[in-house]
């Protein structure tokens, strides 16, 4: 899994992740089964079957952009709630990829054009 966008210059409370070797809809469904509600792609692409225009403009290939999910965190969220979301993401990815070890989260390099 990889964080999209700039590693530090970000809007607070919004996390966009891509999941190579998975299907974005599958990740959404599995996270929901773990009690985590999230969205597919960017807010500007909500309801569309096309990849996020933002991720496309950033140079992400359509296949990878289709795996993107967006998590929104409120100011009132407690640290343990955020930890539960992180644990759910790791658990889902381990299950989908059949890995014993959690996938290493890394910052995605900005795609080269």
Foldseek 3Di string as FASTA:
>chain_A
DAWDDDPPPDDPFKTKDWDPPDAQVLLQVQLVVLVAHWAQADPVQPPHQFFHPVLVVLPDDRVRSRNMIMGGDDPPDDPVVVVSSVVSSQVSSCVVVVHPDGDDYYHDDRDDD
